[in-house]
């Protein structure tokens, strides 16, 4: 089962698509913790499209496609904005490192890709015909 959500590049739209993705996952048997983690990854990915690909310029198109299979959830976020710098995704650490005793050491930005990599089983990025495609894969675990 596949569903596409089309939204304009405005931060106020992120919450609506995130809630819709989580609800769709849960309607199709994805457990709540997994659905919430997929939602988190979608929020971070769509925010990145708006903030970085489109430099916060409103009115551009973002498409969030959700494919629910028996053993996995695949989400693609597509935009036609500025591409991610080559090698950026590969250079993102798997964990956020900071001193919990010194909250000022917590970065104020740049955590979205780390969060996506942490909650998803695979995060893949490519540019195809001028379109940025971020693919998020989450395996459905047996109960």
N, C-alpha and C. Protein backbone atom coordinates (compact mmCIF):
# COMPACT_ATOMS: atom_id res chain seq x y z
N UNK A 1 0.84 -1.17 0.00
CA UNK A 1 0.00 0.00 0.00
C UNK A 1 0.89 1.23 0.00
N UNK A 2 0.58 2.17 -0.88
CA UNK A 2 1.37 3.39 -0.99
C UNK A 2 0.45 4.60 -0.94
N UNK A 3 0.93 5.64 -0.24
CA UNK A 3 0.20 6.90 -0.17
C UNK A 3 1.19 8.04 -0.32
N UNK A 4 0.83 9.03 -1.12
CA UNK A 4 1.64 10.21 -1.33
C UNK A 4 0.99 11.41 -0.66
N UNK A 5 1.81 12.21 0.00
CA UNK A 5 1.36 13.46 0.61
C UNK A 5 2.12 14.59 -0.07
N UNK A 6 1.40 15.57 -0.59
CA UNK A 6 2.01 16.72 -1.25
C UNK A 6 1.85 17.93 -0.33
N UNK A 7 2.95 18.64 -0.11
CA UNK A 7 2.85 19.81 0.74
C UNK A 7 3.76 20.91 0.23
N UNK A 8 3.42 22.12 0.61
CA UNK A 8 4.23 23.29 0.29
C UNK A 8 5.36 23.41 1.30
N UNK A 9 6.42 24.05 0.90
CA UNK A 9 7.62 24.18 1.74
C UNK A 9 7.43 25.26 2.81
N UNK A 10 6.55 24.96 3.75
CA UNK A 10 6.28 25.86 4.87
C UNK A 10 6.31 25.05 6.15
N UNK A 11 7.03 25.55 7.14
CA UNK A 11 7.20 24.80 8.39
C UNK A 11 5.86 24.46 9.06
N UNK A 12 4.84 25.29 8.87
CA UNK A 12 3.54 25.00 9.50
C UNK A 12 2.90 23.74 8.91
N UNK A 13 3.36 23.28 7.78
CA UNK A 13 2.81 22.07 7.14
C UNK A 13 3.42 20.78 7.68
N UNK A 14 4.55 20.88 8.34
CA UNK A 14 5.29 19.69 8.78
C UNK A 14 4.46 18.86 9.76
N UNK A 15 3.85 19.51 10.71
CA UNK A 15 3.08 18.78 11.72
C UNK A 15 1.95 17.96 11.10
N UNK A 16 1.26 18.53 10.13
CA UNK A 16 0.13 17.85 9.51
C UNK A 16 0.58 16.57 8.80
N UNK A 17 1.65 16.66 8.02
CA UNK A 17 2.11 15.47 7.30
C UNK A 17 2.67 14.45 8.29
N UNK A 18 3.31 14.89 9.35
CA UNK A 18 3.87 13.96 10.34
C UNK A 18 2.76 13.17 11.03
N UNK A 19 1.71 13.85 11.42
CA UNK A 19 0.58 13.17 12.07
C UNK A 19 -0.08 12.21 11.10
N UNK A 20 -0.22 12.62 9.84
CA UNK A 20 -0.83 11.75 8.83
C UNK A 20 -0.01 10.50 8.60
N UNK A 21 1.32 10.63 8.55
CA UNK A 21 2.19 9.47 8.35
C UNK A 21 2.08 8.51 9.53
N UNK A 22 2.11 9.05 10.75
CA UNK A 22 1.99 8.17 11.93
C UNK A 22 0.65 7.46 11.93
N UNK A 23 -0.44 8.17 11.66
CA UNK A 23 -1.77 7.56 11.64
C UNK A 23 -1.87 6.48 10.57
N UNK A 24 -1.31 6.74 9.39
CA UNK A 24 -1.33 5.76 8.31
C UNK A 24 -0.58 4.49 8.73
N UNK A 25 0.57 4.66 9.34
CA UNK A 25 1.34 3.51 9.82
C UNK A 25 0.52 2.67 10.80
N UNK A 26 -0.09 3.35 11.76
CA UNK A 26 -0.84 2.63 12.80
C UNK A 26 -2.09 1.97 12.22
N UNK A 27 -2.73 2.60 11.25
CA UNK A 27 -3.89 2.00 10.58
C UNK A 27 -3.53 0.70 9.89
N UNK A 28 -2.27 0.57 9.51
CA UNK A 28 -1.82 -0.61 8.78
C UNK A 28 -0.95 -1.52 9.63
N UNK A 29 -1.18 -1.50 10.93
CA UNK A 29 -0.59 -2.49 11.82
C UNK A 29 0.81 -2.23 12.31
N UNK A 30 1.36 -1.05 12.07
CA UNK A 30 2.68 -0.73 12.61
C UNK A 30 2.50 -0.38 14.08
N UNK A 31 3.34 -0.97 14.93
CA UNK A 31 3.20 -0.71 16.37
C UNK A 31 3.48 0.76 16.66
N UNK A 32 2.93 1.25 17.76
CA UNK A 32 3.01 2.68 18.07
C UNK A 32 4.44 3.20 18.22
N UNK A 33 5.33 2.48 18.93
CA UNK A 33 6.69 3.02 19.02
C UNK A 33 7.37 3.18 17.65
N UNK A 34 7.19 2.20 16.78
CA UNK A 34 7.77 2.28 15.44
C UNK A 34 7.14 3.41 14.65
N UNK A 35 5.82 3.54 14.71
CA UNK A 35 5.12 4.61 14.00
C UNK A 35 5.61 5.98 14.47
N UNK A 36 5.86 6.12 15.76
CA UNK A 36 6.36 7.40 16.29
C UNK A 36 7.79 7.69 15.81
N UNK A 37 8.61 6.66 15.71
CA UNK A 37 9.97 6.86 15.21
C UNK A 37 9.97 7.21 13.72
N UNK A 38 9.08 6.59 12.95
CA UNK A 38 8.94 6.95 11.54
C UNK A 38 8.49 8.41 11.44
N UNK A 39 7.53 8.80 12.28
CA UNK A 39 7.06 10.18 12.31
C UNK A 39 8.21 11.14 12.60
N UNK A 40 9.04 10.83 13.58
CA UNK A 40 10.19 11.67 13.93
C UNK A 40 11.13 11.84 12.73
N UNK A 41 11.42 10.74 12.05
CA UNK A 41 12.30 10.81 10.89
C UNK A 41 11.70 11.67 9.78
N UNK A 42 10.38 11.55 9.58
CA UNK A 42 9.71 12.36 8.56
C UNK A 42 9.78 13.84 8.92
N UNK A 43 9.55 14.17 10.19
CA UNK A 43 9.64 15.57 10.62
C UNK A 43 11.03 16.13 10.32
N UNK A 44 12.05 15.39 10.68
CA UNK A 44 13.42 15.86 10.46
C UNK A 44 13.72 16.00 8.97
N UNK A 45 13.27 15.04 8.17
CA UNK A 45 13.55 15.08 6.73
C UNK A 45 12.83 16.23 6.05
N UNK A 46 11.55 16.43 6.37
CA UNK A 46 10.79 17.52 5.75
C UNK A 46 11.34 18.88 6.22
N UNK A 47 11.67 18.98 7.49
CA UNK A 47 12.31 20.22 7.98
C UNK A 47 13.58 20.51 7.18
N UNK A 48 14.39 19.47 6.93
CA UNK A 48 15.62 19.67 6.16
C UNK A 48 15.32 20.15 4.75
N UNK A 49 14.28 19.60 4.13
CA UNK A 49 13.91 20.06 2.78
C UNK A 49 13.56 21.55 2.80
N UNK A 50 12.77 21.93 3.79
CA UNK A 50 12.34 23.33 3.87
C UNK A 50 13.51 24.25 4.21
N UNK A 51 14.28 23.88 5.23
CA UNK A 51 15.34 24.76 5.72
C UNK A 51 16.56 24.80 4.81
N UNK A 52 16.94 23.65 4.27
CA UNK A 52 18.19 23.59 3.52
C UNK A 52 17.99 23.54 2.01
N UNK A 53 17.13 22.66 1.54
CA UNK A 53 16.94 22.56 0.08
C UNK A 53 16.28 23.82 -0.47
N UNK A 54 15.28 24.33 0.26
CA UNK A 54 14.55 25.50 -0.22
C UNK A 54 14.90 26.79 0.53
N UNK A 55 15.86 26.73 1.44
CA UNK A 55 16.31 27.92 2.20
C UNK A 55 15.13 28.70 2.78
N UNK A 56 14.13 27.98 3.27
CA UNK A 56 12.93 28.50 3.91
C UNK A 56 12.02 29.30 2.97
N UNK A 57 12.24 29.18 1.68
CA UNK A 57 11.37 29.87 0.72
C UNK A 57 10.06 29.08 0.59
N UNK A 58 8.96 29.76 0.83
CA UNK A 58 7.64 29.11 0.78
C UNK A 58 7.21 28.88 -0.66
N UNK A 59 6.26 27.96 -0.81
CA UNK A 59 5.61 27.76 -2.09
C UNK A 59 6.22 26.70 -2.98
N UNK A 60 7.27 26.06 -2.53
CA UNK A 60 7.87 24.97 -3.31
C UNK A 60 7.22 23.64 -2.91
N UNK A 61 7.38 22.65 -3.75
CA UNK A 61 6.73 21.37 -3.54
C UNK A 61 7.63 20.35 -2.84
N UNK A 62 7.04 19.64 -1.91
CA UNK A 62 7.68 18.50 -1.25
C UNK A 62 6.67 17.36 -1.32
N UNK A 63 7.15 16.17 -1.68
CA UNK A 63 6.29 15.00 -1.73
C UNK A 63 6.83 13.97 -0.74
N UNK A 64 5.95 13.51 0.14
CA UNK A 64 6.29 12.45 1.09
C UNK A 64 5.49 11.22 0.67
N UNK A 65 6.20 10.18 0.27
CA UNK A 65 5.56 8.93 -0.15
C UNK A 65 5.81 7.87 0.92
N UNK A 66 4.74 7.21 1.33
CA UNK A 66 4.83 6.17 2.35
C UNK A 66 4.39 4.86 1.72
N UNK A 67 5.26 3.87 1.78
CA UNK A 67 4.93 2.55 1.27
C UNK A 67 4.99 1.57 2.44
N UNK A 68 3.84 0.95 2.70
CA UNK A 68 3.74 0.00 3.80
C UNK A 68 3.71 -1.41 3.22
N UNK A 69 4.72 -2.19 3.58
CA UNK A 69 4.81 -3.58 3.16
C UNK A 69 4.71 -4.46 4.39
N UNK A 70 4.58 -5.74 4.19
CA UNK A 70 4.41 -6.66 5.32
C UNK A 70 5.57 -6.59 6.30
N UNK A 71 6.78 -6.38 5.79
CA UNK A 71 7.96 -6.43 6.65
C UNK A 71 8.69 -5.10 6.79
N UNK A 72 8.15 -4.02 6.18
CA UNK A 72 8.89 -2.75 6.23
C UNK A 72 7.99 -1.56 5.94
N UNK A 73 8.50 -0.42 6.37
CA UNK A 73 7.91 0.88 6.03
C UNK A 73 8.99 1.64 5.27
N UNK A 74 8.65 2.11 4.07
CA UNK A 74 9.60 2.87 3.27
C UNK A 74 8.98 4.25 3.03
N UNK A 75 9.73 5.28 3.39
CA UNK A 75 9.27 6.65 3.20
C UNK A 75 10.28 7.36 2.30
N UNK A 76 9.77 8.04 1.29
CA UNK A 76 10.63 8.86 0.45
C UNK A 76 10.18 10.31 0.57
N UNK A 77 11.14 11.19 0.73
CA UNK A 77 10.89 12.63 0.75
C UNK A 77 11.58 13.19 -0.48
N UNK A 78 10.79 13.84 -1.35
CA UNK A 78 11.33 14.35 -2.61
C UNK A 78 11.12 15.86 -2.69
N UNK A 79 12.16 16.55 -3.14
CA UNK A 79 12.05 17.99 -3.38
C UNK A 79 12.95 18.34 -4.56
N UNK A 80 12.79 19.54 -5.08
CA UNK A 80 13.59 20.00 -6.21
C UNK A 80 14.48 21.17 -5.82
N UNK A 81 14.81 21.25 -4.55
CA UNK A 81 15.65 22.33 -4.05
C UNK A 81 17.13 22.03 -4.20
N UNK A 82 17.92 22.76 -3.44
CA UNK A 82 19.37 22.58 -3.45
C UNK A 82 19.70 21.18 -2.93
N UNK A 83 20.64 20.51 -3.59
CA UNK A 83 21.03 19.15 -3.22
C UNK A 83 21.88 19.14 -1.96
N UNK A 84 21.85 18.01 -1.28
CA UNK A 84 22.70 17.79 -0.12
C UNK A 84 24.15 17.71 -0.61
N UNK A 85 25.08 18.30 0.11
CA UNK A 85 26.48 18.20 -0.31
C UNK A 85 26.93 16.74 -0.42
N UNK A 86 27.70 16.41 -1.45
CA UNK A 86 28.17 15.03 -1.61
C UNK A 86 28.91 14.56 -0.36
N UNK A 87 28.62 13.35 0.05
CA UNK A 87 29.30 12.75 1.19
C UNK A 87 28.78 13.17 2.55
N UNK A 88 27.84 14.12 2.60
CA UNK A 88 27.36 14.59 3.90
C UNK A 88 26.72 13.48 4.71
N UNK A 89 25.82 12.73 4.11
CA UNK A 89 25.12 11.67 4.84
C UNK A 89 26.11 10.63 5.37
N UNK A 90 27.07 10.25 4.56
CA UNK A 90 28.06 9.26 4.99
C UNK A 90 28.93 9.77 6.14
N UNK A 91 29.11 11.08 6.22
CA UNK A 91 29.96 11.65 7.27
C UNK A 91 29.24 11.87 8.60
N UNK A 92 27.92 11.69 8.60
CA UNK A 92 27.14 11.92 9.82
C UNK A 92 27.40 10.77 10.79
N UNK A 93 27.75 11.08 12.04
CA UNK A 93 27.99 10.01 13.01
C UNK A 93 26.70 9.26 13.35
N UNK A 94 26.86 8.05 13.84
CA UNK A 94 25.70 7.24 14.21
C UNK A 94 25.08 7.68 15.53
N UNK A 95 25.85 8.34 16.35
CA UNK A 95 25.36 8.81 17.64
C UNK A 95 25.77 10.26 17.86
N UNK A 96 24.96 10.94 18.64
CA UNK A 96 25.25 12.31 19.03
C UNK A 96 26.15 12.26 20.26
N UNK A 97 27.28 12.89 20.16
CA UNK A 97 28.20 12.88 21.29
C UNK A 97 28.26 14.27 21.90
N UNK A 98 27.94 14.34 23.19
CA UNK A 98 28.01 15.59 23.94
C UNK A 98 28.13 15.24 25.41
N UNK A 99 28.53 16.20 26.19
CA UNK A 99 28.69 16.01 27.63
C UNK A 99 27.35 16.29 28.30
N UNK A 100 26.68 15.26 28.85
CA UNK A 100 25.38 15.48 29.48
C UNK A 100 25.43 16.39 30.70
N UNK A 101 26.62 16.58 31.26
CA UNK A 101 26.79 17.48 32.39
C UNK A 101 26.90 18.94 31.94
N UNK A 102 27.14 19.12 30.65
CA UNK A 102 27.32 20.47 30.09
C UNK A 102 26.34 20.63 28.93
N UNK A 103 25.11 21.04 29.25
CA UNK A 103 24.08 21.16 28.22
C UNK A 103 24.42 22.21 27.17
N UNK A 104 25.32 23.12 27.49
CA UNK A 104 25.76 24.09 26.49
C UNK A 104 26.56 23.43 25.38
N UNK A 105 27.06 22.21 25.64
CA UNK A 105 27.82 21.49 24.62
C UNK A 105 26.90 20.79 23.61
N UNK A 106 25.62 20.77 23.90
CA UNK A 106 24.66 20.15 22.98
C UNK A 106 24.52 21.05 21.75
N UNK A 107 24.72 20.48 20.55
CA UNK A 107 24.63 21.31 19.34
C UNK A 107 23.23 21.88 19.18
N UNK A 108 23.14 23.08 18.62
CA UNK A 108 21.83 23.70 18.39
C UNK A 108 21.25 23.31 17.05
N UNK A 109 22.02 22.67 16.21
CA UNK A 109 21.54 22.25 14.91
C UNK A 109 22.35 21.06 14.43
N UNK A 110 21.95 20.54 13.27
CA UNK A 110 22.69 19.44 12.68
C UNK A 110 22.41 18.08 13.27
N UNK A 111 21.33 17.96 14.03
CA UNK A 111 21.03 16.68 14.66
C UNK A 111 20.01 15.86 13.87
N UNK A 112 19.35 16.46 12.88
CA UNK A 112 18.30 15.78 12.16
C UNK A 112 18.75 14.49 11.48
N UNK A 113 19.87 14.55 10.78
CA UNK A 113 20.36 13.34 10.10
C UNK A 113 20.79 12.28 11.10
N UNK A 114 21.36 12.70 12.22
CA UNK A 114 21.74 11.74 13.26
C UNK A 114 20.49 11.04 13.79
N UNK A 115 19.44 11.81 14.07
CA UNK A 115 18.19 11.21 14.56
C UNK A 115 17.60 10.24 13.54
N UNK A 116 17.60 10.65 12.26
CA UNK A 116 17.07 9.76 11.22
C UNK A 116 17.84 8.44 11.19
N UNK A 117 19.17 8.54 11.22
CA UNK A 117 19.99 7.33 11.19
C UNK A 117 19.78 6.47 12.43
N UNK A 118 19.49 7.12 13.55
CA UNK A 118 19.31 6.39 14.82
C UNK A 118 18.00 5.59 14.84
N UNK A 119 16.91 6.18 14.31
CA UNK A 119 15.60 5.52 14.44
C UNK A 119 15.21 4.69 13.22
N UNK A 120 15.91 4.86 12.11
CA UNK A 120 15.59 4.10 10.90
C UNK A 120 16.65 3.02 10.68
N UNK A 121 16.27 1.98 9.93
CA UNK A 121 17.23 0.92 9.63
C UNK A 121 18.15 1.28 8.48
N UNK A 122 17.69 2.17 7.60
CA UNK A 122 18.53 2.63 6.51
C UNK A 122 18.08 4.02 6.09
N UNK A 123 19.04 4.87 5.78
CA UNK A 123 18.78 6.21 5.27
C UNK A 123 19.64 6.36 4.03
N UNK A 124 19.00 6.67 2.91
CA UNK A 124 19.71 6.76 1.63
C UNK A 124 19.31 8.05 0.93
N UNK A 125 20.29 8.71 0.31
CA UNK A 125 20.03 9.96 -0.39
C UNK A 125 20.63 9.90 -1.79
N UNK A 126 19.88 10.40 -2.75
CA UNK A 126 20.40 10.53 -4.11
C UNK A 126 19.67 11.65 -4.82
N UNK A 127 20.30 12.17 -5.85
CA UNK A 127 19.66 13.16 -6.71
C UNK A 127 19.40 12.48 -8.05
N UNK A 128 18.14 12.52 -8.47
CA UNK A 128 17.73 11.86 -9.71
C UNK A 128 17.02 12.88 -10.59
N UNK A 129 17.61 13.19 -11.74
CA UNK A 129 17.00 14.13 -12.67
C UNK A 129 16.64 15.46 -12.05
N UNK A 130 17.53 15.99 -11.20
CA UNK A 130 17.28 17.28 -10.56
C UNK A 130 16.38 17.22 -9.35
N UNK A 131 15.98 16.03 -8.95
CA UNK A 131 15.11 15.86 -7.78
C UNK A 131 15.90 15.18 -6.66
N UNK A 132 15.82 15.75 -5.46
CA UNK A 132 16.44 15.15 -4.29
C UNK A 132 15.51 14.08 -3.74
N UNK A 133 16.06 12.90 -3.47
CA UNK A 133 15.25 11.79 -2.96
C UNK A 133 15.93 11.23 -1.72
N UNK A 134 15.28 11.40 -0.58
CA UNK A 134 15.77 10.83 0.67
C UNK A 134 14.86 9.65 0.99
N UNK A 135 15.45 8.47 1.10
CA UNK A 135 14.68 7.25 1.37
C UNK A 135 14.99 6.78 2.78
N UNK A 136 13.93 6.59 3.54
CA UNK A 136 14.01 6.12 4.92
C UNK A 136 13.38 4.72 4.99
N UNK A 137 14.09 3.76 5.51
CA UNK A 137 13.60 2.39 5.62
C UNK A 137 13.53 1.99 7.08
N UNK A 138 12.40 1.46 7.47
CA UNK A 138 12.25 0.92 8.83
C UNK A 138 11.64 -0.45 8.72
N UNK A 139 12.35 -1.45 9.21
CA UNK A 139 11.85 -2.82 9.21
C UNK A 139 10.77 -2.94 10.28
N UNK A 140 9.75 -3.75 9.96
CA UNK A 140 8.69 -4.02 10.94
C UNK A 140 9.11 -5.25 11.71
N UNK A 141 9.21 -5.09 12.99
CA UNK A 141 9.69 -6.19 13.83
C UNK A 141 8.51 -7.03 14.32
N UNK A 142 8.77 -8.32 14.48
CA UNK A 142 7.72 -9.22 14.97
C UNK A 142 7.40 -8.89 16.42
N UNK A 143 6.15 -8.98 16.77
CA UNK A 143 5.72 -8.66 18.13
C UNK A 143 6.12 -9.73 19.12
